[in-house]
Amino acid sequence: MENRIILHIDMDYFFAQCEEREHPEIKGKPVVICVYSGRGGDSGAVSTSNYEARKFGIKAGIPISRAKKMNPEAVFLPVNKELYQDISDEVMEILRGFSQNIEQESVDEAFLDITGNVPDFEAAKELAAKIKNEIRSKTKLSCSVGVGPNKLIAKIASDFQKPDALTIVRPEEILQFLSPLKITDLIGVGKKTGERLNELGVRTIGDLSGMSAQDLIHEFGQAKGIWLKQASQGIDDSPVVGREGTEQIGRIITLKEDTIDPAIIRDAINVLSEEVYGKLAVRKLGFKSVTFVAISADFKTHTRNHTLETTAKDLDVIKTTANKLAQTFLSEHQVLLRRIGVRVANLKQEKGQMTLGEFNKKEIEYI
């Protein structure tokens, strides 16, 4: 495969950092984001935490009750998926301004293939710095970026010096970079594989690289054995590929004051719809589903969504659908709204998308 230059962008402690942005008074304090089970009290688990909380041993997966014993003074907040998704959409739009060859790996991570955009790794370093600066300028959040000749190296590099890091690994530096790292730093090596390798005397990626392919195949089977050998030497030919159908574009705003006034909500929806449509138009995308997001004064998030029969591309389809969904929600819930949002998903680039006239002929059931 040709020499490539791949970036991996990883937002730092993303959920907690989003909450710090929305609530500046908690910045500098241990912040813990929780998934509550709904059984009452502290039943549930930690989703993530900021670095201040991690100093106390609070990390993803542990029970909330245990985390509170580790540091009762920490700030404990419930997961706010709509907020994180809105900020994620904004970050991904920024990244697409640097390369259309993007693979969103999760809500807070993405690969960019910039092979044709820059002549060498020095220029790639400058571009990565620009990306970090633009994300910070537009979202007020920090990220870590890894630059490497493939996805495997770029991803390991982005995690190497977090937070707010920029790590470059050139092709000739791969073995030197990988060799001292723990075996579990190798993306794809889980707990069980790591434990078995430790039993075999393998502690570092360099140790793993020194094992023969035959020995690895004997221990882990043909496919995994070969993969472990190649990965330990930094070999990875997997392409950067966008995942069609999983992407979404949305916008959420905070209303000037908590309200249930249909006219204020309608006007806000129309503004949000125009912003979402603008992003779609730039990329010449259609959509097949529309979501209305309502965040009430008590910070509870509600959504109503509708999936169209065929892909659409008109602004008025977004406005009409989002407003109908909002009307349905308001008829069912007499609650003051603090924030509202509009989101479209199931995005596609294709011909034959539904026009407004065709849309109006469809009998739509709003859910």
Protein backbone atom coordinates (compact mmCIF):
# COMPACT_ATOMS: atom_id res chain seq x y z
CA MET A 1 0.00 0.00 0.00
CA GLU A 2 1.20 3.53 -0.79
CA ASN A 3 2.71 5.68 1.93
CA ARG A 4 -0.19 7.19 3.82
CA ILE A 5 -0.65 9.90 6.43
CA ILE A 6 -3.49 9.21 8.85
CA LEU A 7 -4.75 11.32 11.75
CA HIS A 8 -6.68 10.04 14.74
CA ILE A 9 -8.55 12.72 16.66
CA ASP A 10 -9.67 11.81 20.17
CA MET A 11 -11.59 14.32 22.29
CA ASP A 12 -10.21 14.48 25.85
CA TYR A 13 -12.52 13.03 28.59
CA PHE A 14 -15.32 14.06 26.25
CA PHE A 15 -18.53 13.75 28.31
CA ALA A 16 -17.02 15.39 31.38
CA GLN A 17 -15.35 18.11 29.30
CA CYS A 18 -18.71 18.92 27.66
CA GLU A 19 -20.26 19.32 31.11
CA GLU A 20 -17.38 21.56 32.21
CA ARG A 21 -18.03 23.77 29.20
CA GLU A 22 -21.73 24.06 30.00
CA HIS A 23 -21.11 24.55 33.72
CA PRO A 24 -17.84 26.51 34.15
CA GLU A 25 -18.25 26.49 37.93
CA ILE A 26 -17.35 22.76 38.06
CA LYS A 27 -14.11 23.08 36.06
CA GLY A 28 -11.12 22.03 38.15
CA LYS A 29 -13.25 19.79 40.34
CA PRO A 30 -13.48 15.99 40.04
CA VAL A 31 -16.38 15.37 37.62
CA VAL A 32 -18.04 11.97 37.24
CA ILE A 33 -20.57 11.18 34.49
CA CYS A 34 -22.98 8.43 35.53
CA VAL A 35 -25.44 6.03 33.94
CA TYR A 36 -28.15 5.62 36.56
CA SER A 37 -30.08 2.33 36.46
CA GLY A 38 -33.43 3.91 37.30
CA ARG A 39 -33.81 1.85 40.47
CA GLY A 40 -33.27 4.90 42.64
CA GLY A 41 -30.42 6.19 44.76
CA ASP A 42 -26.91 5.56 43.48
CA SER A 43 -27.76 2.43 41.52
CA GLY A 44 -25.79 2.40 38.27
CA ALA A 45 -22.27 2.73 36.92
CA VAL A 46 -19.72 5.39 36.01
CA SER A 47 -19.68 6.21 32.29
CA THR A 48 -16.52 8.36 32.37
CA SER A 49 -14.72 10.91 34.53
CA ASN A 50 -12.33 13.81 34.15
CA TYR A 51 -8.65 13.60 35.07
CA GLU A 52 -9.18 15.13 38.50
CA ALA A 53 -11.61 12.31 39.36
CA ARG A 54 -9.29 9.66 37.92
CA LYS A 55 -6.64 10.67 40.45
CA PHE A 56 -8.94 9.15 43.08
CA GLY A 57 -9.30 5.90 41.10
CA ILE A 58 -12.72 6.77 39.71
CA LYS A 59 -13.01 5.30 36.23
CA ALA A 60 -15.55 3.94 33.75
CA GLY A 61 -17.46 0.84 34.78
CA ILE A 62 -17.23 1.04 38.56
CA PRO A 63 -20.47 1.36 40.60
CA ILE A 64 -21.59 4.91 41.36
CA SER A 65 -21.86 4.06 45.06
CA ARG A 66 -18.22 2.98 45.09
CA ALA A 67 -17.14 6.15 43.24
CA LYS A 68 -18.89 8.30 45.86
CA LYS A 69 -16.97 6.55 48.61
CA MET A 70 -13.70 7.24 46.75
CA ASN A 71 -14.48 10.97 46.68
CA PRO A 72 -17.78 12.19 48.19
CA GLU A 73 -16.92 15.77 47.17
CA ALA A 74 -16.80 15.00 43.43
CA VAL A 75 -19.48 16.38 41.09
CA PHE A 76 -21.75 13.53 39.94
CA LEU A 77 -23.85 14.16 36.82
CA PRO A 78 -26.15 11.97 34.70
CA VAL A 79 -25.24 11.27 31.08
CA ASN A 80 -26.62 13.96 28.76
CA LYS A 81 -26.54 12.21 25.39
CA GLU A 82 -28.18 14.99 23.41
CA LEU A 83 -25.62 17.57 24.54
CA TYR A 84 -22.71 15.27 23.72
CA GLN A 85 -24.17 14.38 20.32
CA ASP A 86 -24.68 18.04 19.45
CA ILE A 87 -21.06 18.88 20.29
CA SER A 88 -19.86 15.74 18.50
CA ASP A 89 -21.71 16.83 15.34
CA GLU A 90 -19.97 20.20 15.56
CA VAL A 91 -16.54 18.55 15.93
CA MET A 92 -17.13 16.21 12.98
CA GLU A 93 -18.17 19.14 10.79
CA ILE A 94 -14.90 20.89 11.67
CA LEU A 95 -12.93 17.77 10.71
CA ARG A 96 -14.69 17.54 7.35
CA GLY A 97 -13.38 21.00 6.62
CA PHE A 98 -9.89 19.47 6.56
CA SER A 99 -10.62 16.19 4.75
CA GLN A 100 -13.70 14.51 3.32
CA ASN A 101 -12.00 11.14 3.82
CA ILE A 102 -13.21 10.69 7.39
CA GLU A 103 -14.21 7.68 9.45
CA GLN A 104 -16.10 8.54 12.62
CA GLU A 105 -15.16 5.81 15.07
CA SER A 106 -17.39 6.93 17.94
CA VAL A 107 -19.07 10.04 19.32
CA ASP A 108 -15.65 11.47 20.29
CA GLU A 109 -13.16 9.86 17.90
CA ALA A 110 -12.45 9.94 14.17
CA PHE A 111 -9.80 9.04 11.62
CA LEU A 112 -8.81 11.41 8.81
CA ASP A 113 -6.84 10.30 5.75
CA ILE A 114 -4.87 13.38 4.68
CA THR A 115 -2.49 11.57 2.31
CA GLY A 116 -3.40 13.75 -0.65
CA ASN A 117 -3.70 16.93 1.40
CA VAL A 118 -0.13 17.30 2.64
CA PRO A 119 3.29 16.44 1.14
CA ASP A 120 4.94 15.00 4.25
CA PHE A 121 4.73 14.42 8.00
CA GLU A 122 6.07 17.86 8.84
CA ALA A 123 3.17 19.43 6.97
CA ALA A 124 0.84 16.89 8.62
CA LYS A 125 2.02 18.09 12.02
CA GLU A 126 1.15 21.67 11.09
CA LEU A 127 -2.28 20.59 9.84
CA ALA A 128 -2.94 18.59 13.02
CA ALA A 129 -2.07 21.66 15.09
CA LYS A 130 -4.55 23.72 13.04
CA ILE A 131 -7.25 21.11 13.66
CA LYS A 132 -6.62 21.22 17.40
CA ASN A 133 -6.73 25.02 17.41
CA GLU A 134 -9.95 25.19 15.38
CA ILE A 135 -11.71 22.64 17.59
CA ARG A 136 -10.66 24.61 20.68
CA SER A 137 -11.68 27.93 19.11
CA LYS A 138 -15.11 26.76 17.96
CA THR A 139 -16.09 24.30 20.71
CA LYS A 140 -13.92 25.43 23.67
CA LEU A 141 -12.77 21.80 24.04
CA SER A 142 -9.37 20.14 23.82
CA CYS A 143 -8.48 17.01 21.89
CA SER A 144 -5.47 14.78 21.36
CA VAL A 145 -4.23 13.97 17.87
CA GLY A 146 -2.05 11.11 16.68
CA VAL A 147 -0.37 11.23 13.28
CA GLY A 148 0.98 8.05 11.70
CA PRO A 149 1.34 6.06 8.49
CA ASN A 150 -1.74 3.95 9.28
CA LYS A 151 -4.81 3.80 11.52
CA LEU A 152 -3.25 1.54 14.13
CA ILE A 153 -0.27 3.81 14.77
CA ALA A 154 -2.34 7.01 14.64
CA LYS A 155 -4.77 5.68 17.25
CA ILE A 156 -2.04 4.53 19.63
CA ALA A 157 -0.27 7.88 19.14
CA SER A 158 -3.38 9.91 20.02
CA ASP A 159 -3.53 8.16 23.40
CA PHE A 160 0.21 8.43 24.06
CA GLN A 161 0.40 11.79 25.87
CA LYS A 162 -3.22 12.74 26.64
CA PRO A 163 -4.70 15.21 27.32
CA ASP A 164 -4.34 17.98 24.74
CA ALA A 165 -1.50 16.17 22.96
CA LEU A 166 -0.08 16.00 19.46
CA THR A 167 2.08 12.95 18.75
CA ILE A 168 3.77 12.26 15.40
CA VAL A 169 5.07 8.79 14.47
CA ARG A 170 6.86 8.69 11.12
CA PRO A 171 7.27 5.36 9.25
CA GLU A 172 10.91 5.00 10.26
CA GLU A 173 10.00 5.58 13.94
CA ILE A 174 7.32 2.88 14.26
CA LEU A 175 9.34 0.12 15.94
CA GLN A 176 11.11 2.54 18.27
CA PHE A 177 7.74 4.03 19.26
CA LEU A 178 5.95 0.73 19.82
CA SER A 179 8.70 -1.32 21.45
CA PRO A 180 8.54 0.01 25.07
CA LEU A 181 4.73 0.25 25.25
CA LYS A 182 2.70 -2.17 27.37
CA ILE A 183 1.16 -5.04 25.44
CA THR A 184 -2.32 -3.74 26.32
CA ASP A 185 -1.48 -0.44 24.60
CA LEU A 186 -1.75 -2.34 21.32
CA ILE A 187 -5.23 -1.61 19.98
CA GLY A 188 -7.16 -4.88 19.87
CA VAL A 189 -5.33 -6.63 22.70
CA GLY A 190 -7.88 -7.14 25.46
CA LYS A 191 -7.55 -8.31 29.03
CA LYS A 192 -7.62 -12.06 28.31
CA THR A 193 -5.09 -11.87 25.46
CA GLY A 194 -2.89 -9.60 27.56
CA GLU A 195 -2.95 -12.01 30.49
CA ARG A 196 -2.05 -14.96 28.27
CA LEU A 197 0.82 -13.05 26.70
CA ASN A 198 2.06 -12.08 30.17
CA GLU A 199 2.07 -15.79 31.07
CA LEU A 200 4.30 -16.33 28.04
CA GLY A 201 6.70 -13.68 29.32
CA VAL A 202 5.47 -10.98 26.93
CA ARG A 203 5.19 -7.61 28.69
CA THR A 204 5.81 -5.05 25.94
CA ILE A 205 4.93 -4.67 22.27
CA GLY A 206 8.64 -5.12 21.60
CA ASP A 207 8.52 -8.51 23.33
CA LEU A 208 5.55 -9.46 21.17
CA SER A 209 7.35 -8.37 18.01
CA GLY A 210 10.17 -10.75 18.93
CA MET A 211 7.87 -13.78 18.98
CA SER A 212 7.64 -15.91 15.88
CA ALA A 213 4.44 -15.96 13.86
CA GLN A 214 4.30 -19.75 14.28
CA ASP A 215 4.32 -19.49 18.09
CA LEU A 216 1.59 -16.85 18.03
CA ILE A 217 -0.54 -18.93 15.64
CA HIS A 218 -0.09 -21.94 17.95
CA GLU A 219 -1.33 -19.93 20.94
CA PHE A 220 -4.07 -17.81 19.37
CA GLY A 221 -5.04 -19.42 16.07
CA GLN A 222 -4.23 -18.53 12.47
CA ALA A 223 -6.02 -15.21 12.06
CA LYS A 224 -5.29 -13.70 15.47
CA GLY A 225 -1.72 -14.98 15.54
CA ILE A 226 -0.88 -13.37 12.22
CA TRP A 227 -2.64 -10.16 13.25
CA LEU A 228 -0.69 -9.96 16.54
CA LYS A 229 2.60 -10.40 14.69
CA GLN A 230 1.79 -7.71 12.12
CA ALA A 231 0.30 -5.28 14.65
CA SER A 232 3.35 -5.58 16.94
CA GLN A 233 5.42 -4.34 14.00
CA GLY A 234 3.02 -1.51 13.22
CA ILE A 235 1.63 -3.07 10.05
CA ASP A 236 -1.97 -2.06 9.25
CA ASP A 237 -3.41 -1.67 5.76
CA SER A 238 -7.03 -1.01 6.78
CA PRO A 239 -8.48 1.98 4.90
CA VAL A 240 -10.26 5.00 6.31
CA VAL A 241 -13.88 4.32 5.39
CA GLY A 242 -16.96 6.38 6.25
CA ARG A 243 -19.86 4.49 7.79
CA GLU A 244 -22.92 5.32 5.73
CA GLY A 245 -26.22 5.48 7.56
CA THR A 246 -24.78 6.05 11.04
CA GLU A 247 -23.94 9.74 10.69
CA GLN A 248 -26.25 12.52 11.79
CA ILE A 249 -26.27 16.30 11.73
CA GLY A 250 -27.99 18.41 14.34
CA ARG A 251 -28.10 21.64 16.31
CA ILE A 252 -29.28 22.41 19.83
CA ILE A 253 -29.75 25.87 21.30
CA THR A 254 -30.58 27.25 24.74
CA LEU A 255 -33.72 29.38 24.69
CA LYS A 256 -33.52 32.92 26.08
CA GLU A 257 -35.80 31.79 28.90
CA ASP A 258 -37.59 28.59 29.87
CA THR A 259 -40.83 28.49 27.92
CA ILE A 260 -43.74 26.46 26.62
CA ASP A 261 -44.82 29.14 24.13
CA PRO A 262 -45.47 27.35 20.78
CA ALA A 263 -44.60 30.46 18.76
CA ILE A 264 -41.17 30.85 20.39
CA ILE A 265 -40.47 27.16 19.97
CA ARG A 266 -41.61 27.22 16.33
CA ASP A 267 -39.36 30.16 15.51
CA ALA A 268 -36.39 28.43 17.15
CA ILE A 269 -37.09 25.20 15.26
CA ASN A 270 -37.13 27.10 11.97
CA VAL A 271 -33.76 28.71 12.71
CA LEU A 272 -32.27 25.36 13.75
CA SER A 273 -33.70 23.68 10.63
CA GLU A 274 -32.03 26.27 8.41
CA GLU A 275 -28.66 25.68 10.10
CA VAL A 276 -28.98 21.91 9.73
CA TYR A 277 -30.07 22.28 6.11
CA GLY A 278 -27.08 24.51 5.40
CA LYS A 279 -24.72 21.77 6.56
CA LEU A 280 -26.54 19.22 4.41
CA ALA A 281 -26.47 21.46 1.35
CA VAL A 282 -22.72 22.06 1.54
CA ARG A 283 -22.10 18.33 1.42
CA LYS A 284 -25.00 17.59 -0.98
CA LEU A 285 -26.60 15.12 1.40
CA GLY A 286 -30.17 13.95 1.77
CA PHE A 287 -31.74 12.60 4.95
CA LYS A 288 -34.35 10.02 5.89
CA SER A 289 -35.16 10.78 9.52
CA VAL A 290 -35.83 13.92 11.56
CA THR A 291 -35.66 14.27 15.34
CA PHE A 292 -36.99 16.98 17.63
CA VAL A 293 -35.07 17.30 20.90
CA ALA A 294 -36.59 18.91 24.00
CA ILE A 295 -34.60 19.50 27.18
CA SER A 296 -36.89 20.61 29.99
CA ALA A 297 -36.15 23.07 32.79
CA ASP A 298 -35.29 20.15 35.09
CA PHE A 299 -32.65 19.07 32.51
CA LYS A 300 -34.52 15.92 31.42
CA THR A 301 -34.10 15.11 27.72
CA HIS A 302 -37.03 14.08 25.52
CA THR A 303 -36.95 13.19 21.82
CA ARG A 304 -39.55 12.64 19.13
CA ASN A 305 -38.52 11.32 15.74
CA HIS A 306 -39.94 10.36 12.40
CA THR A 307 -38.48 8.27 9.59
CA LEU A 308 -39.49 9.20 6.03
CA GLU A 309 -40.38 6.59 3.42
CA THR A 310 -37.68 7.85 1.06
CA THR A 311 -34.67 10.13 1.31
CA ALA A 312 -35.50 13.87 1.28
CA LYS A 313 -33.44 16.98 0.63
CA ASP A 314 -35.71 20.00 1.20
CA LEU A 315 -35.46 22.54 3.99
CA ASP A 316 -39.25 22.64 4.31
CA VAL A 317 -39.35 18.90 4.99
CA ILE A 318 -37.08 19.43 7.99
CA LYS A 319 -39.12 22.41 9.24
CA THR A 320 -42.49 20.75 8.72
CA THR A 321 -41.50 17.46 10.31
CA ALA A 322 -39.69 19.00 13.29
CA ASN A 323 -42.59 21.37 14.00
CA LYS A 324 -45.15 18.54 13.81
CA LEU A 325 -43.04 16.50 16.21
CA ALA A 326 -42.78 19.48 18.56
CA GLN A 327 -46.55 20.01 18.45
CA THR A 328 -47.11 16.39 19.36
CA PHE A 329 -44.66 16.62 22.23
CA LEU A 330 -46.17 19.84 23.60
CA SER A 331 -49.66 18.35 23.50
CA GLU A 332 -48.45 15.44 25.63
CA HIS A 333 -46.13 17.29 28.05
CA GLN A 334 -46.92 20.58 29.73
CA VAL A 335 -43.32 21.28 30.76
CA LEU A 336 -41.14 24.36 30.42
CA LEU A 337 -38.38 23.86 27.85
CA ARG A 338 -34.83 25.10 28.44
CA ARG A 339 -33.15 23.86 25.23
CA ILE A 340 -34.45 22.49 21.95
CA GLY A 341 -32.79 20.85 18.99
CA VAL A 342 -33.32 19.52 15.49
CA ARG A 343 -31.40 16.57 14.08
CA VAL A 344 -31.42 14.65 10.81
CA ALA A 345 -29.98 11.19 10.27
CA ASN A 346 -29.71 8.30 7.80
CA LEU A 347 -27.75 10.62 5.51
CA LYS A 348 -27.11 9.68 1.90
CA GLN A 349 -25.72 11.12 -1.30
CA GLU A 350 -28.08 9.92 -3.95
CA LYS A 351 -30.43 11.03 -6.72
CA GLY A 352 -34.18 10.70 -6.66
CA GLN A 353 -34.65 12.25 -3.24
CA MET A 354 -38.16 13.21 -2.12
CA THR A 355 -39.25 16.72 -3.03
CA LEU A 356 -41.53 18.85 -0.88
CA GLY A 357 -44.49 18.16 -3.14
CA GLU A 358 -44.02 14.41 -2.85
CA PHE A 359 -43.49 14.76 0.89
CA ASN A 360 -46.81 16.58 1.36
CA LYS A 361 -48.69 13.73 -0.34
CA LYS A 362 -47.41 11.20 2.19
CA GLU A 363 -49.56 10.28 5.14
CA ILE A 364 -47.18 10.60 8.10
CA GLU A 365 -47.66 9.22 11.57
CA TYR A 366 -45.64 11.28 14.05
CA ILE A 367 -44.20 9.38 16.97
